N, C-alpha and C. Protein backbone atom coordinates (compact mmCIF):
# COMPACT_ATOMS: atom_id res chain seq x y z
N MET A 1 -14.98 2.58 9.17
CA MET A 1 -13.54 2.46 9.10
C MET A 1 -12.93 3.85 9.25
N ASN A 2 -12.03 3.99 10.18
CA ASN A 2 -11.34 5.25 10.44
C ASN A 2 -9.90 5.17 9.93
N ILE A 3 -9.54 6.11 9.08
CA ILE A 3 -8.24 6.10 8.41
C ILE A 3 -7.52 7.42 8.68
N LEU A 4 -6.23 7.33 8.98
CA LEU A 4 -5.40 8.51 9.21
C LEU A 4 -4.20 8.48 8.27
N MET A 5 -3.98 9.58 7.55
CA MET A 5 -2.82 9.75 6.69
C MET A 5 -1.81 10.62 7.44
N VAL A 6 -0.52 10.20 7.43
CA VAL A 6 0.48 10.93 8.21
C VAL A 6 1.71 11.23 7.36
N CYS A 7 2.13 12.51 7.41
CA CYS A 7 3.41 12.90 6.83
C CYS A 7 4.16 13.72 7.90
N LEU A 8 5.11 14.50 7.49
CA LEU A 8 5.91 15.24 8.47
C LEU A 8 5.13 16.40 9.09
N GLY A 9 4.64 17.33 8.26
CA GLY A 9 3.99 18.52 8.82
C GLY A 9 2.53 18.69 8.50
N LYS A 10 1.96 17.79 7.72
CA LYS A 10 0.57 17.84 7.28
C LYS A 10 0.25 19.10 6.49
N ILE A 11 1.15 19.44 5.57
CA ILE A 11 0.82 20.56 4.68
C ILE A 11 0.98 20.17 3.20
N CYS A 12 1.53 19.00 2.92
CA CYS A 12 1.71 18.59 1.53
C CYS A 12 1.11 17.21 1.26
N ARG A 13 1.83 16.17 1.66
CA ARG A 13 1.48 14.80 1.28
C ARG A 13 0.24 14.28 1.97
N SER A 14 0.16 14.39 3.28
CA SER A 14 -0.99 13.77 3.95
C SER A 14 -2.32 14.47 3.64
N PRO A 15 -2.38 15.80 3.50
CA PRO A 15 -3.66 16.38 3.09
C PRO A 15 -4.04 15.98 1.67
N LEU A 16 -3.04 15.87 0.76
CA LEU A 16 -3.34 15.39 -0.58
C LEU A 16 -3.85 13.95 -0.50
N ALA A 17 -3.16 13.11 0.25
CA ALA A 17 -3.56 11.71 0.37
C ALA A 17 -4.96 11.60 0.98
N GLU A 18 -5.26 12.42 1.98
CA GLU A 18 -6.59 12.41 2.58
C GLU A 18 -7.65 12.76 1.56
N GLY A 19 -7.45 13.84 0.82
CA GLY A 19 -8.43 14.27 -0.16
C GLY A 19 -8.62 13.26 -1.29
N ILE A 20 -7.53 12.69 -1.75
CA ILE A 20 -7.60 11.72 -2.85
C ILE A 20 -8.27 10.43 -2.41
N LEU A 21 -7.87 9.89 -1.27
CA LEU A 21 -8.48 8.64 -0.81
C LEU A 21 -9.95 8.86 -0.48
N ARG A 22 -10.28 10.01 0.10
CA ARG A 22 -11.69 10.30 0.38
C ARG A 22 -12.50 10.26 -0.91
N LYS A 23 -11.98 10.86 -1.98
CA LYS A 23 -12.68 10.88 -3.25
C LYS A 23 -12.89 9.44 -3.78
N HIS A 24 -11.86 8.62 -3.69
CA HIS A 24 -11.96 7.23 -4.16
C HIS A 24 -12.97 6.43 -3.35
N LEU A 25 -12.92 6.57 -2.02
CA LEU A 25 -13.85 5.82 -1.16
C LEU A 25 -15.28 6.28 -1.38
N GLU A 26 -15.49 7.58 -1.56
CA GLU A 26 -16.84 8.10 -1.83
C GLU A 26 -17.36 7.58 -3.16
N SER A 27 -16.48 7.48 -4.17
CA SER A 27 -16.94 7.00 -5.48
C SER A 27 -17.36 5.53 -5.42
N LEU A 28 -16.83 4.80 -4.45
CA LEU A 28 -17.20 3.39 -4.25
C LEU A 28 -18.34 3.23 -3.25
N HIS A 29 -18.79 4.36 -2.72
CA HIS A 29 -19.85 4.39 -1.70
C HIS A 29 -19.48 3.54 -0.48
N LEU A 30 -18.21 3.63 -0.09
CA LEU A 30 -17.72 2.90 1.08
C LEU A 30 -17.79 3.82 2.30
N PRO A 31 -18.35 3.35 3.39
CA PRO A 31 -18.39 4.17 4.61
C PRO A 31 -16.99 4.36 5.17
N HIS A 32 -16.69 5.58 5.57
CA HIS A 32 -15.34 5.86 6.06
C HIS A 32 -15.30 7.17 6.82
N SER A 33 -14.25 7.30 7.58
CA SER A 33 -13.89 8.57 8.20
C SER A 33 -12.39 8.68 7.95
N ILE A 34 -11.97 9.77 7.37
CA ILE A 34 -10.56 9.92 7.01
C ILE A 34 -10.04 11.26 7.51
N ASP A 35 -8.81 11.28 7.98
CA ASP A 35 -8.19 12.47 8.51
C ASP A 35 -6.71 12.43 8.17
N SER A 36 -6.00 13.49 8.51
CA SER A 36 -4.55 13.51 8.30
C SER A 36 -3.88 14.28 9.44
N ALA A 37 -2.61 14.02 9.61
CA ALA A 37 -1.84 14.65 10.67
C ALA A 37 -0.37 14.62 10.29
N GLY A 38 0.43 15.36 11.04
CA GLY A 38 1.88 15.36 10.86
C GLY A 38 2.58 14.81 12.08
N THR A 39 3.81 14.39 11.92
CA THR A 39 4.55 13.88 13.06
C THR A 39 5.18 15.02 13.87
N ILE A 40 5.22 16.23 13.28
CA ILE A 40 5.74 17.41 13.99
C ILE A 40 4.62 18.44 14.10
N ASN A 41 4.76 19.40 15.00
CA ASN A 41 3.73 20.43 15.17
C ASN A 41 4.17 21.78 14.62
N PHE A 42 5.18 21.83 13.81
CA PHE A 42 5.73 23.08 13.30
C PHE A 42 4.69 23.90 12.54
N HIS A 43 3.80 23.24 11.80
CA HIS A 43 2.81 23.94 10.99
C HIS A 43 1.40 23.91 11.59
N SER A 44 1.26 23.52 12.84
CA SER A 44 -0.06 23.36 13.45
C SER A 44 -0.95 24.58 13.22
N GLY A 45 -2.17 24.29 12.76
CA GLY A 45 -3.13 25.34 12.48
C GLY A 45 -3.08 25.89 11.06
N SER A 46 -1.99 25.63 10.34
CA SER A 46 -1.83 26.14 8.97
C SER A 46 -2.64 25.31 7.99
N THR A 47 -3.08 25.98 6.93
CA THR A 47 -3.72 25.26 5.83
C THR A 47 -2.63 24.55 5.02
N PRO A 48 -3.01 23.63 4.15
CA PRO A 48 -2.00 22.98 3.30
C PRO A 48 -1.25 24.00 2.44
N ASP A 49 -0.10 23.60 1.98
CA ASP A 49 0.69 24.41 1.06
C ASP A 49 -0.19 24.82 -0.12
N VAL A 50 -0.07 26.06 -0.55
CA VAL A 50 -0.91 26.57 -1.64
C VAL A 50 -0.75 25.73 -2.91
N ARG A 51 0.44 25.17 -3.14
CA ARG A 51 0.62 24.33 -4.32
C ARG A 51 -0.17 23.04 -4.21
N ALA A 52 -0.24 22.48 -3.02
CA ALA A 52 -1.05 21.27 -2.80
C ALA A 52 -2.53 21.58 -3.00
N ILE A 53 -2.96 22.71 -2.48
CA ILE A 53 -4.36 23.13 -2.63
C ILE A 53 -4.69 23.29 -4.10
N GLN A 54 -3.81 23.93 -4.86
CA GLN A 54 -4.07 24.19 -6.28
C GLN A 54 -4.08 22.91 -7.11
N VAL A 55 -3.14 22.02 -6.87
CA VAL A 55 -3.09 20.76 -7.62
C VAL A 55 -4.32 19.91 -7.29
N ALA A 56 -4.69 19.87 -6.03
CA ALA A 56 -5.90 19.12 -5.66
C ALA A 56 -7.13 19.74 -6.34
N ALA A 57 -7.25 21.06 -6.29
CA ALA A 57 -8.40 21.75 -6.90
C ALA A 57 -8.45 21.49 -8.41
N ASP A 58 -7.29 21.46 -9.05
CA ASP A 58 -7.25 21.17 -10.49
C ASP A 58 -7.76 19.78 -10.80
N ASN A 59 -7.81 18.92 -9.78
CA ASN A 59 -8.28 17.56 -9.92
C ASN A 59 -9.62 17.32 -9.23
N GLY A 60 -10.32 18.41 -8.94
CA GLY A 60 -11.66 18.31 -8.37
C GLY A 60 -11.75 17.98 -6.91
N ILE A 61 -10.67 18.25 -6.16
CA ILE A 61 -10.63 17.93 -4.73
C ILE A 61 -10.33 19.21 -3.94
N ASP A 62 -11.14 19.48 -2.94
CA ASP A 62 -10.93 20.67 -2.10
C ASP A 62 -10.29 20.26 -0.77
N ILE A 63 -9.04 20.66 -0.58
CA ILE A 63 -8.35 20.42 0.68
C ILE A 63 -8.05 21.74 1.39
N SER A 64 -8.62 22.83 0.91
CA SER A 64 -8.31 24.16 1.41
C SER A 64 -8.71 24.41 2.85
N ARG A 65 -9.65 23.64 3.35
CA ARG A 65 -10.13 23.87 4.72
C ARG A 65 -9.43 22.99 5.75
N LEU A 66 -8.54 22.13 5.31
CA LEU A 66 -7.83 21.28 6.26
C LEU A 66 -6.80 22.13 7.01
N ALA A 67 -6.54 21.74 8.23
CA ALA A 67 -5.56 22.46 9.07
C ALA A 67 -4.54 21.46 9.62
N ALA A 68 -3.29 21.88 9.58
CA ALA A 68 -2.21 21.02 10.08
C ALA A 68 -2.35 20.80 11.58
N ARG A 69 -2.04 19.60 12.00
CA ARG A 69 -2.01 19.26 13.42
C ARG A 69 -1.05 18.10 13.57
N GLN A 70 -0.58 17.93 14.78
CA GLN A 70 0.34 16.84 15.10
C GLN A 70 -0.44 15.60 15.52
N VAL A 71 0.04 14.46 15.10
CA VAL A 71 -0.59 13.20 15.51
C VAL A 71 -0.48 13.07 17.03
N SER A 72 -1.53 12.56 17.64
CA SER A 72 -1.54 12.40 19.09
C SER A 72 -1.65 10.92 19.44
N LYS A 73 -1.39 10.62 20.69
CA LYS A 73 -1.48 9.25 21.16
C LYS A 73 -2.87 8.67 20.98
N ILE A 74 -3.88 9.52 21.03
CA ILE A 74 -5.27 9.08 20.86
C ILE A 74 -5.48 8.45 19.48
N ALA A 75 -4.72 8.92 18.49
CA ALA A 75 -4.86 8.41 17.12
C ALA A 75 -4.65 6.91 17.05
N PHE A 76 -3.77 6.39 17.89
CA PHE A 76 -3.46 4.96 17.83
C PHE A 76 -4.61 4.10 18.33
N GLU A 77 -5.56 4.72 19.03
CA GLU A 77 -6.75 4.01 19.47
C GLU A 77 -7.93 4.28 18.54
N LYS A 78 -8.00 5.50 18.03
CA LYS A 78 -9.14 5.94 17.23
C LYS A 78 -9.16 5.39 15.81
N PHE A 79 -7.99 5.27 15.18
CA PHE A 79 -7.94 4.92 13.77
C PHE A 79 -7.63 3.44 13.57
N ASP A 80 -8.35 2.87 12.61
CA ASP A 80 -8.15 1.45 12.27
C ASP A 80 -6.91 1.27 11.39
N TYR A 81 -6.66 2.25 10.54
CA TYR A 81 -5.51 2.24 9.66
C TYR A 81 -4.80 3.57 9.76
N ILE A 82 -3.52 3.54 9.96
CA ILE A 82 -2.69 4.73 10.00
C ILE A 82 -1.64 4.55 8.90
N PHE A 83 -1.70 5.42 7.88
CA PHE A 83 -0.83 5.29 6.74
C PHE A 83 0.26 6.37 6.78
N ALA A 84 1.51 5.93 6.85
CA ALA A 84 2.67 6.83 6.82
C ALA A 84 3.10 7.06 5.39
N MET A 85 3.45 8.30 5.09
CA MET A 85 3.86 8.64 3.74
C MET A 85 5.31 8.26 3.42
N ASP A 86 6.12 8.13 4.45
CA ASP A 86 7.52 7.68 4.20
C ASP A 86 8.05 6.89 5.40
N ARG A 87 9.20 6.32 5.21
CA ARG A 87 9.79 5.45 6.26
C ARG A 87 10.13 6.20 7.54
N ASN A 88 10.53 7.47 7.42
CA ASN A 88 10.80 8.25 8.64
C ASN A 88 9.52 8.47 9.44
N ASN A 89 8.43 8.81 8.77
CA ASN A 89 7.15 8.96 9.45
C ASN A 89 6.73 7.64 10.07
N TYR A 90 6.94 6.55 9.34
CA TYR A 90 6.60 5.21 9.81
C TYR A 90 7.37 4.90 11.11
N LYS A 91 8.66 5.17 11.10
CA LYS A 91 9.48 4.92 12.29
C LYS A 91 9.01 5.76 13.48
N ASP A 92 8.69 7.03 13.21
CA ASP A 92 8.21 7.90 14.28
C ASP A 92 6.89 7.38 14.86
N LEU A 93 5.99 6.95 14.00
CA LEU A 93 4.71 6.42 14.46
C LEU A 93 4.90 5.13 15.27
N MET A 94 5.79 4.28 14.78
CA MET A 94 6.06 3.03 15.50
C MET A 94 6.62 3.30 16.89
N SER A 95 7.46 4.32 17.01
CA SER A 95 8.08 4.61 18.30
C SER A 95 7.07 5.21 19.30
N LEU A 96 5.99 5.76 18.80
CA LEU A 96 4.97 6.38 19.66
C LEU A 96 3.88 5.42 20.08
N SER A 97 3.85 4.25 19.49
CA SER A 97 2.73 3.33 19.67
C SER A 97 3.14 2.06 20.43
N THR A 98 2.14 1.38 20.93
CA THR A 98 2.39 0.11 21.61
C THR A 98 2.49 -1.00 20.56
N ARG A 99 2.95 -2.15 20.97
CA ARG A 99 3.07 -3.28 20.04
C ARG A 99 1.74 -3.63 19.41
N GLU A 100 0.68 -3.61 20.18
CA GLU A 100 -0.65 -3.90 19.64
C GLU A 100 -1.08 -2.83 18.62
N GLN A 101 -0.83 -1.58 18.93
CA GLN A 101 -1.20 -0.49 18.03
C GLN A 101 -0.40 -0.49 16.74
N GLN A 102 0.79 -1.03 16.78
CA GLN A 102 1.65 -1.02 15.60
C GLN A 102 1.07 -1.81 14.42
N GLN A 103 0.16 -2.70 14.71
CA GLN A 103 -0.50 -3.47 13.64
C GLN A 103 -1.34 -2.58 12.74
N ARG A 104 -1.70 -1.39 13.22
CA ARG A 104 -2.53 -0.47 12.47
C ARG A 104 -1.72 0.46 11.56
N ILE A 105 -0.42 0.47 11.74
CA ILE A 105 0.45 1.41 11.02
C ILE A 105 1.05 0.73 9.78
N HIS A 106 0.92 1.43 8.65
CA HIS A 106 1.40 0.91 7.38
C HIS A 106 2.08 1.99 6.57
N LEU A 107 3.08 1.61 5.81
CA LEU A 107 3.67 2.48 4.82
C LEU A 107 2.70 2.52 3.65
N TYR A 108 2.21 3.68 3.27
CA TYR A 108 1.11 3.80 2.31
C TYR A 108 1.39 3.11 0.98
N LEU A 109 2.52 3.40 0.38
CA LEU A 109 2.79 2.81 -0.93
C LEU A 109 2.99 1.29 -0.83
N GLU A 110 3.51 0.82 0.27
CA GLU A 110 3.66 -0.62 0.46
C GLU A 110 2.28 -1.27 0.57
N PHE A 111 1.38 -0.69 1.34
CA PHE A 111 0.03 -1.21 1.47
C PHE A 111 -0.66 -1.23 0.11
N ALA A 112 -0.36 -0.26 -0.73
CA ALA A 112 -0.94 -0.17 -2.06
C ALA A 112 -0.33 -1.19 -3.04
N GLY A 113 0.73 -1.86 -2.62
CA GLY A 113 1.36 -2.85 -3.46
C GLY A 113 2.50 -2.30 -4.32
N PHE A 114 3.00 -1.12 -3.96
CA PHE A 114 4.07 -0.46 -4.72
C PHE A 114 5.46 -0.74 -4.15
N GLY A 115 5.56 -1.55 -3.12
CA GLY A 115 6.83 -1.83 -2.47
C GLY A 115 7.11 -0.82 -1.37
N GLN A 116 8.27 -0.94 -0.77
CA GLN A 116 8.62 -0.08 0.36
C GLN A 116 9.18 1.26 -0.12
N LYS A 117 8.41 1.94 -0.93
CA LYS A 117 8.81 3.25 -1.45
C LYS A 117 8.23 4.34 -0.55
N ASP A 118 8.91 5.47 -0.55
CA ASP A 118 8.41 6.66 0.12
C ASP A 118 7.66 7.52 -0.85
N VAL A 119 6.63 8.21 -0.38
CA VAL A 119 6.00 9.26 -1.16
C VAL A 119 6.94 10.45 -1.05
N PRO A 120 7.52 10.93 -2.14
CA PRO A 120 8.48 12.03 -2.05
C PRO A 120 7.83 13.30 -1.48
N ASP A 121 8.59 14.04 -0.70
CA ASP A 121 8.10 15.27 -0.13
C ASP A 121 8.32 16.40 -1.15
N PRO A 122 7.23 16.99 -1.67
CA PRO A 122 7.39 18.01 -2.72
C PRO A 122 7.65 19.42 -2.17
N TYR A 123 7.72 19.58 -0.87
CA TYR A 123 7.76 20.90 -0.26
C TYR A 123 8.83 21.81 -0.84
N TYR A 124 10.03 21.31 -1.05
CA TYR A 124 11.12 22.15 -1.55
C TYR A 124 11.19 22.16 -3.08
N GLY A 125 10.21 21.55 -3.71
CA GLY A 125 10.18 21.53 -5.17
C GLY A 125 9.24 22.58 -5.72
N ASN A 126 8.86 22.37 -6.96
CA ASN A 126 7.95 23.31 -7.61
C ASN A 126 6.60 22.62 -7.89
N ARG A 127 5.74 23.28 -8.61
CA ARG A 127 4.40 22.74 -8.87
C ARG A 127 4.47 21.37 -9.53
N LYS A 128 5.41 21.17 -10.41
CA LYS A 128 5.56 19.88 -11.09
C LYS A 128 5.74 18.76 -10.07
N HIS A 129 6.51 19.01 -9.02
CA HIS A 129 6.72 18.00 -7.99
C HIS A 129 5.41 17.67 -7.26
N PHE A 130 4.58 18.67 -7.02
CA PHE A 130 3.28 18.45 -6.41
C PHE A 130 2.37 17.65 -7.32
N GLU A 131 2.43 17.93 -8.61
CA GLU A 131 1.62 17.17 -9.57
C GLU A 131 2.05 15.72 -9.62
N GLU A 132 3.37 15.48 -9.58
CA GLU A 132 3.88 14.10 -9.58
C GLU A 132 3.45 13.35 -8.33
N VAL A 133 3.50 14.02 -7.19
CA VAL A 133 3.07 13.39 -5.93
C VAL A 133 1.57 13.12 -6.00
N PHE A 134 0.79 14.07 -6.53
CA PHE A 134 -0.64 13.85 -6.68
C PHE A 134 -0.91 12.59 -7.52
N GLU A 135 -0.24 12.47 -8.63
CA GLU A 135 -0.44 11.31 -9.54
C GLU A 135 -0.07 10.01 -8.84
N LEU A 136 1.03 10.01 -8.09
CA LEU A 136 1.46 8.81 -7.36
C LEU A 136 0.42 8.45 -6.29
N LEU A 137 -0.02 9.44 -5.54
CA LEU A 137 -1.03 9.18 -4.50
C LEU A 137 -2.36 8.74 -5.10
N ASP A 138 -2.72 9.27 -6.25
CA ASP A 138 -3.95 8.88 -6.92
C ASP A 138 -3.88 7.41 -7.33
N ARG A 139 -2.78 7.00 -7.94
CA ARG A 139 -2.62 5.58 -8.31
C ARG A 139 -2.65 4.69 -7.08
N ALA A 140 -1.93 5.10 -6.02
CA ALA A 140 -1.90 4.30 -4.80
C ALA A 140 -3.29 4.24 -4.17
N SER A 141 -4.03 5.32 -4.19
CA SER A 141 -5.37 5.35 -3.59
C SER A 141 -6.33 4.44 -4.32
N HIS A 142 -6.18 4.31 -5.63
CA HIS A 142 -6.99 3.34 -6.39
C HIS A 142 -6.73 1.95 -5.85
N GLN A 143 -5.47 1.62 -5.64
CA GLN A 143 -5.11 0.28 -5.15
C GLN A 143 -5.58 0.06 -3.73
N VAL A 144 -5.38 1.05 -2.87
CA VAL A 144 -5.81 0.93 -1.48
C VAL A 144 -7.33 0.77 -1.39
N SER A 145 -8.06 1.56 -2.16
CA SER A 145 -9.53 1.46 -2.15
C SER A 145 -9.97 0.07 -2.60
N ALA A 146 -9.35 -0.41 -3.66
CA ALA A 146 -9.69 -1.74 -4.17
C ALA A 146 -9.37 -2.83 -3.16
N LYS A 147 -8.23 -2.68 -2.48
CA LYS A 147 -7.82 -3.65 -1.46
C LYS A 147 -8.80 -3.67 -0.29
N LEU A 148 -9.20 -2.48 0.16
CA LEU A 148 -10.15 -2.42 1.26
C LEU A 148 -11.50 -3.00 0.86
N LEU A 149 -11.92 -2.71 -0.35
CA LEU A 149 -13.19 -3.25 -0.84
C LEU A 149 -13.12 -4.76 -0.98
N LYS A 150 -12.05 -5.25 -1.59
CA LYS A 150 -11.88 -6.71 -1.81
C LYS A 150 -11.88 -7.47 -0.51
N ASN A 151 -11.21 -6.93 0.48
CA ASN A 151 -11.09 -7.61 1.77
C ASN A 151 -12.29 -7.35 2.68
N ASN A 152 -13.28 -6.64 2.16
CA ASN A 152 -14.46 -6.30 2.95
C ASN A 152 -14.11 -5.65 4.25
N ILE A 153 -13.06 -4.83 4.21
CA ILE A 153 -12.60 -4.16 5.42
C ILE A 153 -13.54 -3.01 5.74
N LEU A 154 -14.06 -2.37 4.72
CA LEU A 154 -14.94 -1.22 4.97
C LEU A 154 -16.38 -1.67 5.00
């Protein structure tokens, strides 16, 4: 199962989501390939925001080697699930994909059963905002992992 996490620049939410979901899937011994990308290329090549790296590290997850990149058209063929962190990312992904490919795109928190909520972007906040986003993504990743396991998707 190939999974892609997508946010705006791939320096905050999607690298956190990638690291957290990877940890959950590994703990369940589920085969997977997981990656992340942004809908813009403004930060291409950059590592995640230092606050995201620190909060992840404080929770036993290393995202320090990830590099920002923009989502490409190839992603819509390569990945079985493409999870958008917010409705704007979702709309951008939908506009780049074909009708058939759109079935692979999901709003992450909605897929987790949390409703049509957005994962807040902590970029302009402080460390506390990154911690809150980490906790939200961690809860959502528990639900997503359980859903994938229950449905024998992985």
